[in-house]
Protein backbone atom coordinates (compact mmCIF):
# COMPACT_ATOMS: atom_id res chain seq x y z
CA MET A 1 26.76 1.21 -21.54
CA GLN A 2 27.88 3.73 -18.68
CA MET A 3 25.65 6.31 -20.46
CA ARG A 4 22.69 4.14 -20.06
CA LEU A 5 23.60 3.12 -16.34
CA ASN A 6 24.07 6.58 -15.65
CA VAL A 7 20.46 7.62 -17.87
CA LEU A 8 18.70 4.78 -15.29
CA LEU A 9 20.82 6.11 -12.14
CA ALA A 10 19.06 9.58 -13.07
CA PHE A 11 15.62 8.16 -13.77
CA LEU A 12 15.65 6.33 -10.35
CA VAL A 13 16.71 9.33 -8.61
CA ALA A 14 13.59 11.61 -9.82
CA ALA A 15 11.14 8.63 -9.14
CA GLY A 16 12.29 8.42 -5.72
CA ILE A 17 13.98 4.89 -5.66
CA ALA A 18 17.48 5.16 -6.06
CA ALA A 19 19.95 3.13 -4.70
CA PRO A 20 21.94 4.61 -1.67
CA ALA A 21 25.33 5.93 -2.39
CA GLY A 22 28.39 4.10 -1.39
CA ALA A 23 29.67 0.27 -2.60
CA GLN A 24 27.77 -2.25 -0.31
CA THR A 25 27.62 -6.11 -1.53
CA THR A 26 25.55 -8.15 0.70
CA ALA A 27 24.49 -12.00 0.02
CA PHE A 28 21.35 -13.02 0.93
CA VAL A 29 22.16 -17.13 1.14
CA GLY A 30 20.39 -19.98 1.56
CA GLY A 31 16.64 -19.57 1.75
CA ARG A 32 13.56 -19.76 0.03
CA VAL A 33 12.65 -16.39 -2.24
CA ILE A 34 9.13 -15.48 -3.05
CA ASP A 35 10.25 -12.89 -5.55
CA GLY A 36 6.99 -10.84 -5.75
CA THR A 37 5.61 -12.19 -8.97
CA GLY A 38 4.52 -15.91 -8.23
CA ARG A 39 7.38 -18.08 -8.30
CA VAL A 40 9.36 -20.04 -5.85
CA LEU A 41 13.08 -20.81 -5.44
CA GLU A 42 14.12 -23.18 -2.66
CA ASN A 43 17.73 -22.67 -1.63
CA ALA A 44 18.54 -19.79 -3.03
CA THR A 45 21.09 -16.96 -3.08
CA VAL A 46 21.00 -13.25 -3.53
CA ILE A 47 22.88 -10.92 -4.36
CA VAL A 48 22.69 -7.13 -3.53
CA ARG A 49 25.13 -4.68 -4.77
CA ASP A 50 24.70 -0.41 -4.28
CA GLY A 51 21.08 -0.87 -3.35
CA GLN A 52 20.04 -3.35 -6.07
CA ILE A 53 19.57 -6.81 -6.54
CA ARG A 54 21.86 -7.90 -8.98
CA THR A 55 21.61 -11.97 -9.20
CA VAL A 56 19.20 -14.29 -7.99
CA GLY A 57 19.61 -18.01 -8.42
CA ALA A 58 19.93 -21.37 -7.06
CA ALA A 59 22.52 -21.44 -4.05
CA ALA A 60 24.90 -23.49 -6.29
CA ALA A 61 25.46 -21.73 -9.03
CA VAL A 62 25.55 -18.57 -7.96
CA PRO A 63 28.76 -17.57 -6.34
CA VAL A 64 29.31 -14.86 -3.31
CA PRO A 65 30.93 -11.92 -3.99
CA GLU A 66 34.69 -11.81 -2.35
CA GLY A 67 34.06 -9.26 0.55
CA ALA A 68 30.33 -9.73 0.44
CA THR A 69 28.41 -9.45 3.56
CA ARG A 70 27.02 -12.88 3.73
CA ILE A 71 23.73 -12.85 5.34
CA ASP A 72 22.59 -16.98 6.11
CA LEU A 73 19.07 -17.89 5.66
CA THR A 74 18.90 -21.17 6.12
CA GLY A 75 15.21 -21.82 7.25
CA LYS A 76 13.86 -18.20 6.38
CA THR A 77 12.24 -16.80 3.63
CA LEU A 78 13.37 -13.92 1.71
CA MET A 79 10.55 -11.85 -0.06
CA PRO A 80 9.89 -8.52 -1.27
CA GLY A 81 8.90 -5.64 1.01
CA LEU A 82 5.39 -5.04 0.92
CA ILE A 83 3.84 -1.81 -1.17
CA ASN A 84 0.56 -0.53 0.19
CA ALA A 85 -1.02 0.87 -2.92
CA HIS A 86 -3.68 2.66 -1.00
CA GLY A 87 -2.13 3.86 2.63
CA HIS A 88 -1.99 7.77 3.81
CA VAL A 89 0.30 9.95 6.44
CA ALA A 90 -1.86 11.72 7.98
CA ALA A 91 -2.59 14.22 10.60
CA THR A 92 -3.30 11.40 13.16
CA ASP A 93 -1.64 10.62 16.88
CA GLY A 94 -2.96 7.96 18.60
CA LEU A 95 -6.56 7.70 18.26
CA GLN A 96 -6.70 12.07 17.90
CA SER A 97 -6.84 13.78 13.74
CA ASN A 98 -5.55 17.39 13.85
CA PRO A 99 -4.05 19.43 11.27
CA ALA A 100 -1.39 20.42 13.99
CA PHE A 101 -0.35 17.18 13.54
CA TYR A 102 1.01 16.99 10.21
CA THR A 103 4.85 17.38 10.88
CA ARG A 104 7.71 15.87 9.48
CA GLU A 105 8.13 13.95 12.24
CA ASN A 106 5.10 12.65 12.72
CA LEU A 107 5.38 11.74 9.22
CA GLU A 108 8.70 10.00 9.83
CA ARG A 109 7.35 8.31 12.99
CA GLN A 110 4.63 7.08 10.64
CA LEU A 111 6.63 5.78 7.90
CA ARG A 112 8.93 3.71 10.45
CA THR A 113 5.92 1.86 12.12
CA TYR A 114 5.74 1.01 8.42
CA ALA A 115 8.62 0.13 8.02
CA ASP A 116 8.86 -2.09 11.34
CA TYR A 117 5.52 -4.49 10.06
CA GLY A 118 7.33 -4.69 6.91
CA VAL A 119 5.83 -2.33 4.52
CA THR A 120 8.75 -0.44 2.65
CA THR A 121 6.71 1.32 0.56
CA VAL A 122 3.44 4.02 0.64
CA PHE A 123 1.37 5.13 -1.95
CA SER A 124 -0.67 8.34 -0.17
CA LEU A 125 -3.99 8.56 -1.47
CA GLY A 126 -4.59 11.93 -0.80
CA ASP A 127 -4.77 14.23 1.96
CA ASP A 128 -0.91 15.48 1.40
CA ARG A 129 0.76 18.31 2.51
CA GLU A 130 4.03 20.02 2.14
CA ALA A 131 5.56 18.12 4.33
CA GLY A 132 4.95 14.79 2.83
CA PHE A 133 6.24 16.30 -0.50
CA VAL A 134 9.45 17.19 1.10
CA LEU A 135 10.51 13.27 2.70
CA ARG A 136 8.83 12.27 -1.02
CA ASN A 137 11.04 14.67 -2.46
CA GLU A 138 14.20 13.38 -0.40
CA GLN A 139 14.24 10.22 -0.28
CA GLY A 140 16.04 9.45 -4.04
CA GLY A 141 19.43 8.19 -3.23
CA ALA A 142 19.22 8.17 0.20
CA THR A 143 19.64 5.59 3.02
CA LEU A 144 16.36 5.44 4.11
CA ASN A 145 15.28 4.14 7.84
CA ARG A 146 11.63 4.18 7.17
CA ALA A 147 9.20 3.08 4.58
CA ARG A 148 9.35 5.12 0.66
CA LEU A 149 6.50 7.65 0.24
CA PHE A 150 4.82 8.52 -2.88
CA VAL A 151 1.97 11.01 -2.58
CA GLY A 152 -1.07 12.45 -4.19
CA GLY A 153 -1.70 16.01 -2.91
CA GLU A 154 -5.10 17.14 -1.97
CA VAL A 155 -7.94 15.24 -2.61
CA ILE A 156 -9.42 17.06 -5.71
CA THR A 157 -12.88 18.25 -5.68
CA GLY A 158 -15.63 20.44 -6.48
CA ARG A 159 -19.12 20.76 -7.21
CA THR A 160 -18.50 22.08 -11.27
CA ALA A 161 -16.29 21.15 -13.81
CA GLU A 162 -14.65 24.71 -13.72
CA GLU A 163 -13.89 23.85 -9.88
CA ALA A 164 -13.09 20.76 -9.99
CA GLY A 165 -10.44 21.24 -13.43
CA ALA A 166 -8.98 24.16 -11.23
CA HIS A 167 -8.43 22.58 -8.55
CA ALA A 168 -6.77 19.48 -10.08
CA ASP A 169 -4.87 21.78 -11.77
CA ARG A 170 -3.37 23.86 -8.67
CA VAL A 171 -2.45 20.23 -6.99
CA ALA A 172 -0.55 19.15 -9.99
CA ALA A 173 1.77 22.28 -9.80
CA TRP A 174 3.01 20.30 -6.84
CA LYS A 175 4.28 17.44 -9.09
CA PRO A 176 2.25 14.37 -7.07
CA ASP A 177 2.94 10.92 -8.08
CA LEU A 178 -0.96 10.39 -8.73
CA LEU A 179 -4.35 12.49 -8.87
CA LYS A 180 -7.05 11.44 -6.25
CA ILE A 181 -10.84 12.10 -6.40
CA ARG A 182 -14.21 10.74 -4.10
CA VAL A 183 -17.20 10.14 -5.83
CA ASP A 184 -19.74 8.81 -3.09
CA ASP A 185 -22.15 9.87 -1.15
CA ASN A 186 -20.91 8.29 2.44
CA LEU A 187 -24.20 6.24 2.09
CA GLY A 188 -26.30 8.97 1.03
CA ARG A 189 -25.28 11.29 3.54
CA SER A 190 -23.31 13.93 1.59
CA PRO A 191 -23.84 15.23 -2.12
CA LYS A 192 -21.89 13.00 -4.10
CA MET A 193 -19.31 14.55 -6.87
CA PRO A 194 -21.08 15.35 -10.04
CA PRO A 195 -19.92 13.53 -13.59
CA GLU A 196 -19.16 16.91 -14.77
CA ALA A 197 -16.52 17.41 -11.88
CA TRP A 198 -14.80 14.35 -11.96
CA ARG A 199 -14.61 13.92 -15.91
CA ALA A 200 -12.88 17.05 -15.61
CA VAL A 201 -10.58 15.59 -13.16
CA LEU A 202 -10.00 12.83 -15.62
CA GLN A 203 -9.32 15.35 -18.51
CA ARG A 204 -6.80 17.52 -16.38
CA ALA A 205 -5.09 14.37 -15.24
CA ASN A 206 -4.43 13.04 -18.47
CA ALA A 207 -3.19 16.37 -19.64
CA HIS A 208 -0.79 16.76 -16.44
CA GLY A 209 0.23 12.70 -17.26
CA LEU A 210 -0.93 11.56 -14.24
CA PRO A 211 -3.06 8.42 -12.66
CA LEU A 212 -6.13 9.47 -11.55
CA ALA A 213 -7.35 7.28 -8.39
CA VAL A 214 -11.55 7.15 -7.99
CA HIS A 215 -12.59 6.18 -4.19
CA ILE A 216 -16.49 4.48 -5.08
CA PHE A 217 -18.81 2.27 -2.96
CA TYR A 218 -21.21 1.57 -5.74
CA LEU A 219 -20.64 -0.73 -8.95
CA ALA A 220 -22.29 2.25 -11.09
CA ASP A 221 -20.08 4.56 -9.92
CA ALA A 222 -16.99 2.81 -10.89
CA GLN A 223 -18.23 1.78 -14.04
CA ALA A 224 -18.78 4.79 -14.94
CA LEU A 225 -15.25 6.23 -13.99
CA LEU A 226 -13.67 3.20 -15.37
CA ASP A 227 -15.08 3.47 -18.87
CA ALA A 228 -13.83 6.96 -18.65
CA GLY A 229 -10.57 6.34 -18.07
CA ALA A 230 -9.67 6.05 -14.14
CA ALA A 231 -6.26 4.33 -13.44
CA PHE A 232 -7.00 2.71 -10.27
CA ILE A 233 -10.38 1.38 -8.34
CA GLY A 234 -9.30 2.87 -5.36
CA HIS A 235 -11.91 0.81 -3.10
CA SER A 236 -14.24 -2.04 -2.99
CA VAL A 237 -17.61 -2.29 -4.95
CA ARG A 238 -19.49 -2.80 -1.63
CA ASP A 239 -23.43 -2.31 -2.76
CA VAL A 240 -24.20 -5.57 -4.54
CA PRO A 241 -22.11 -8.29 -7.00
CA VAL A 242 -19.59 -7.17 -9.54
CA ASP A 243 -20.89 -8.52 -13.08
CA ASP A 244 -19.76 -9.75 -15.88
CA ARG A 245 -19.37 -6.21 -17.69
CA PHE A 246 -17.26 -4.95 -14.97
CA ILE A 247 -14.97 -7.64 -15.08
CA ARG A 248 -14.17 -7.42 -18.39
CA ASP A 249 -13.65 -4.08 -18.65
CA LEU A 250 -10.83 -3.98 -15.54
CA LYS A 251 -9.05 -6.93 -16.90
CA ALA A 252 -9.29 -5.11 -20.95
CA ARG A 253 -7.55 -2.62 -19.59
CA ASP A 254 -5.34 -3.66 -16.61
CA VAL A 255 -7.09 -1.53 -14.06
CA CYS A 256 -6.16 -2.15 -10.99
CA TYR A 257 -8.75 -2.67 -8.20
CA CYS A 258 -7.85 -2.06 -4.51
CA PRO A 259 -10.24 -3.60 -1.99
CA THR A 260 -9.06 -2.00 1.34
CA LEU A 261 -11.09 -4.17 3.88
CA THR A 262 -9.59 -2.99 6.28
CA ARG A 263 -11.28 0.63 6.07
CA GLU A 264 -14.66 -1.11 6.34
CA LEU A 265 -13.65 -3.29 9.81
CA SER A 266 -12.31 0.06 11.15
CA THR A 267 -16.05 1.33 10.75
CA PHE A 268 -17.67 -0.69 13.36
CA ILE A 269 -15.12 -2.78 14.74
CA TYR A 270 -14.76 -0.47 17.83
CA ASP A 271 -18.37 -0.83 19.46
CA SER A 272 -16.42 -3.81 21.41
CA THR A 273 -13.16 -4.71 22.41
CA PRO A 274 -11.39 -5.75 19.14
CA PRO A 275 -9.98 -9.05 19.47
CA TRP A 276 -6.15 -7.89 18.99
CA VAL A 277 -5.94 -5.30 21.16
CA ASN A 278 -3.75 -7.15 23.25
CA ASP A 279 -1.89 -8.88 20.31
CA PRO A 280 1.81 -7.84 21.12
CA PHE A 281 1.94 -7.53 17.32
CA PHE A 282 -0.38 -5.05 17.31
CA LEU A 283 1.12 -3.29 20.92
CA LYS A 284 4.74 -2.95 18.91
CA GLY A 285 2.81 -0.21 16.98
CA VAL A 286 0.79 2.05 19.11
CA ASP A 287 0.89 3.54 22.12
CA GLY A 288 -0.42 1.62 25.13
CA GLU A 289 -3.00 4.01 26.25
CA VAL A 290 -4.39 3.69 22.40
CA ALA A 291 -4.87 0.54 23.68
CA ARG A 292 -6.19 1.18 26.93
CA GLN A 293 -8.93 3.24 25.20
CA LEU A 294 -9.92 0.43 22.82
CA ALA A 295 -10.51 -1.74 25.40
CA ASP A 296 -12.63 1.24 27.41
CA PRO A 297 -16.44 -0.21 27.89
CA ALA A 298 -17.35 3.70 28.57
CA ARG A 299 -15.83 5.01 25.13
CA GLN A 300 -17.30 1.78 23.32
CA ALA A 301 -20.76 2.63 24.97
CA ALA A 302 -20.42 5.97 23.44
CA LEU A 303 -19.82 4.52 20.24
CA ARG A 304 -22.78 2.14 20.09
CA ALA A 305 -24.81 5.23 20.98
CA SER A 306 -23.50 7.32 18.48
CA PRO A 307 -24.64 7.80 14.47
CA ALA A 308 -21.20 6.53 13.42
CA SER A 309 -22.71 2.91 15.08
CA ALA A 310 -25.31 2.89 12.47
CA MET A 311 -22.86 3.65 9.30
CA GLY A 312 -20.78 1.16 11.49
CA GLN A 313 -23.44 -1.34 10.39
CA GLN A 314 -23.89 -0.60 7.31
CA TYR A 315 -20.64 -0.76 6.46
CA LYS A 316 -20.45 -4.02 7.97
CA ALA A 317 -22.55 -5.32 5.58
CA GLY A 318 -21.01 -3.70 2.63
CA LEU A 319 -17.76 -5.71 3.74
CA ALA A 320 -19.78 -8.73 3.12
CA VAL A 321 -20.10 -7.60 0.02
CA ALA A 322 -16.74 -6.97 -0.75
CA THR A 323 -15.59 -9.54 0.66
CA ARG A 324 -17.21 -11.93 -1.91
CA ASN A 325 -15.97 -9.44 -5.21
CA LEU A 326 -12.81 -9.46 -3.93
CA LYS A 327 -12.88 -13.36 -4.16
CA ARG A 328 -14.94 -13.36 -7.89
CA LEU A 329 -12.69 -10.62 -9.53
CA ALA A 330 -9.10 -12.57 -8.30
CA ASP A 331 -10.65 -15.74 -9.75
CA ALA A 332 -11.82 -13.79 -13.39
CA GLY A 333 -8.01 -12.88 -13.16
CA VAL A 334 -8.56 -9.39 -12.40
CA ARG A 335 -4.93 -7.68 -11.21
CA ILE A 336 -5.74 -7.06 -7.42
CA ALA A 337 -3.64 -3.77 -5.35
CA PHE A 338 -2.94 -4.37 -2.39
CA GLY A 339 -4.09 -1.68 -0.23
CA THR A 340 -5.78 -1.14 3.55
CA ASP A 341 -6.73 3.14 3.88
CA SER A 342 -4.52 2.87 6.87
CA GLY A 343 -3.41 6.35 8.35
CA PRO A 344 -6.72 7.80 9.78
CA PRO A 345 -7.11 7.62 12.89
CA ALA A 346 -8.02 3.82 14.22
CA ARG A 347 -6.91 2.29 10.64
CA PHE A 348 -3.41 1.36 12.31
CA GLN A 349 -0.39 1.62 9.66
CA GLY A 350 1.75 -1.72 9.98
CA PHE A 351 -0.81 -3.90 11.60
CA PHE A 352 -3.66 -3.14 9.32
CA GLU A 353 -1.44 -3.98 6.08
CA HIS A 354 -1.09 -7.86 8.09
CA LEU A 355 -5.01 -8.07 8.93
CA GLU A 356 -5.76 -6.89 5.58
CA LEU A 357 -3.58 -9.77 3.99
CA GLU A 358 -5.39 -12.41 6.47
CA MET A 359 -8.55 -11.21 5.65
CA MET A 360 -7.51 -11.66 1.92
CA VAL A 361 -6.91 -14.96 2.23
CA GLU A 362 -10.40 -15.53 4.29
CA ALA A 363 -11.93 -13.94 1.40
CA GLY A 364 -10.65 -16.94 -0.72
CA LEU A 365 -7.44 -16.01 -2.29
CA THR A 366 -3.91 -18.17 -1.58
CA PRO A 367 -1.53 -17.26 0.75
CA MET A 368 0.54 -16.13 -3.00
CA GLN A 369 -2.04 -14.05 -4.32
CA ALA A 370 -2.04 -11.93 -1.28
CA ILE A 371 1.39 -11.63 -1.25
CA VAL A 372 1.97 -10.87 -5.44
CA SER A 373 -0.94 -8.54 -4.87
CA ALA A 374 0.86 -7.11 -2.03
CA THR A 375 4.32 -7.01 -4.05
CA GLY A 376 4.60 -7.15 -7.82
CA ASP A 377 1.21 -6.42 -8.98
CA ALA A 378 1.12 -3.31 -6.23
CA ALA A 379 4.66 -2.22 -8.01
CA ARG A 380 2.75 -2.45 -10.90
CA CYS A 381 -0.50 -0.63 -10.82
CA TRP A 382 1.51 2.41 -9.75
CA ASP A 383 4.05 1.91 -12.73
CA LYS A 384 6.95 0.84 -10.92
CA ALA A 385 7.42 -2.78 -12.10
CA GLY A 386 11.21 -3.59 -12.89
CA GLN A 387 11.68 -1.33 -9.96
CA LEU A 388 9.82 -2.06 -6.55
CA GLY A 389 7.81 -5.18 -5.45
CA SER A 390 10.03 -7.95 -6.77
CA ILE A 391 13.12 -9.83 -6.41
CA GLU A 392 14.68 -9.36 -10.08
CA PRO A 393 17.90 -8.23 -11.50
CA GLY A 394 17.87 -4.26 -11.65
CA VAL A 395 15.08 -3.97 -8.83
CA THR A 396 15.54 -1.85 -5.64
CA ALA A 397 16.27 -4.13 -2.43
CA ASP A 398 13.47 -3.54 -0.68
CA LEU A 399 13.14 -6.80 1.36
CA ILE A 400 11.62 -8.76 4.24
CA VAL A 401 13.24 -11.82 5.81
CA LEU A 402 10.95 -14.09 7.70
CA ASP A 403 11.35 -16.96 9.82
CA ARG A 404 8.16 -18.80 8.70
CA ASN A 405 6.86 -19.20 5.22
CA PRO A 406 3.86 -17.51 4.39
CA LEU A 407 2.70 -19.52 1.72
CA ASP A 408 2.32 -22.11 4.79
CA ASP A 409 0.23 -19.82 6.66
CA ILE A 410 -0.03 -16.27 5.78
CA ARG A 411 0.27 -15.16 9.69
CA HIS A 412 3.90 -16.23 9.35
CA LEU A 413 4.06 -12.66 7.80
CA ARG A 414 4.00 -11.31 10.92
CA ALA A 415 7.06 -13.48 12.16
CA ILE A 416 9.52 -10.51 10.81
CA ASP A 417 13.50 -11.07 11.08
CA SER A 418 14.63 -8.21 9.54
CA VAL A 419 13.85 -5.76 6.96
CA TRP A 420 15.88 -4.44 4.10
CA ILE A 421 15.47 -1.03 2.33
CA GLY A 422 17.58 -0.31 -0.16
CA GLY A 423 19.51 -3.32 0.62
CA VAL A 424 20.31 -1.11 4.04
CA ARG A 425 19.13 -3.06 7.20
CA VAL A 426 16.68 -1.03 8.83
CA VAL A 427 17.40 0.01 12.57
CA ARG A 428 14.29 -1.73 14.29
């Protein structure tokens, strides 16, 4: 038994999700538990020891260990921390982007912001550099006061099979958690990665044992990449309705589909003042100067006069298609991976995750479907089921305590009482 426990601990450290060192037992008592798999348990007790969930059950059936710290959750809800299956930590500060902003200090700030909003794990899908890898490598066994980070490295490019394959090998040498490509022409404004190039990347990804995430726009590209073996569809299909074949193939291979509805929203909403610019929940994660800029009529006029405005209207039309596609895919039982593409300028980390969940419910998903997408299924989509994303024995204790029940209204996810990462309360 001890040998098995030691092997498990070594695996978790290597995966960057090990429990923090030191004995600590916490009992969450008397609350509602939404476990991340679709189950709900009322008046439950959850025992956490050394950063892992040990016991989950009805309060009457689970004794609280002697010496445990008791957290009374009467009237509250306990659920797994949110997992962003497609986010970014980026060279971003406010509304500006600059390579010089990609620093350890800035990335830690971004990861703390995610955690403040209940996002306890982020898969950064591309443009990751050394500081991001360092933070990923350090988190195994550490007590964290910020979101966990998994990284994809540089987005792989290339116009030929040779170029793209060589780039994939260089990125893989950094030991990322995944690889990422873009197969998109930016609404006809740039060349698309040719099939011989992306097929070479897929071959190299398989050789390195790494899953490949694909940025797409068009159904035809998504289908071709799915047929070839891509592991993760990184955005919505936004040109046409998804068809039966695409649905059938996604389900047959259990490939995850990540809508990122807020990515489309960010392309057109700033032509005028966003409705949430003065929302205290938004303002807790941004500098006040950012809110002032977003409400500036001169800035908005300049955006409306720019070429980006026309693109934004095209993406706005694409968002309507994406929303309908999400509903059809979810109804068909396709596994939906919660993600936002947050991190670049004006895609606000933490806040956009809540907007995404609200948009998913507006699209027709139930609050429970959206929550499972953002917890248990997001973990499963990146092969972390049983390690992250659920409230079950053996899973790392990344948790949110809510003052209200999000199954009644998804906006109740904003009522965050506390956030716990590895069984330790995050200082907010």
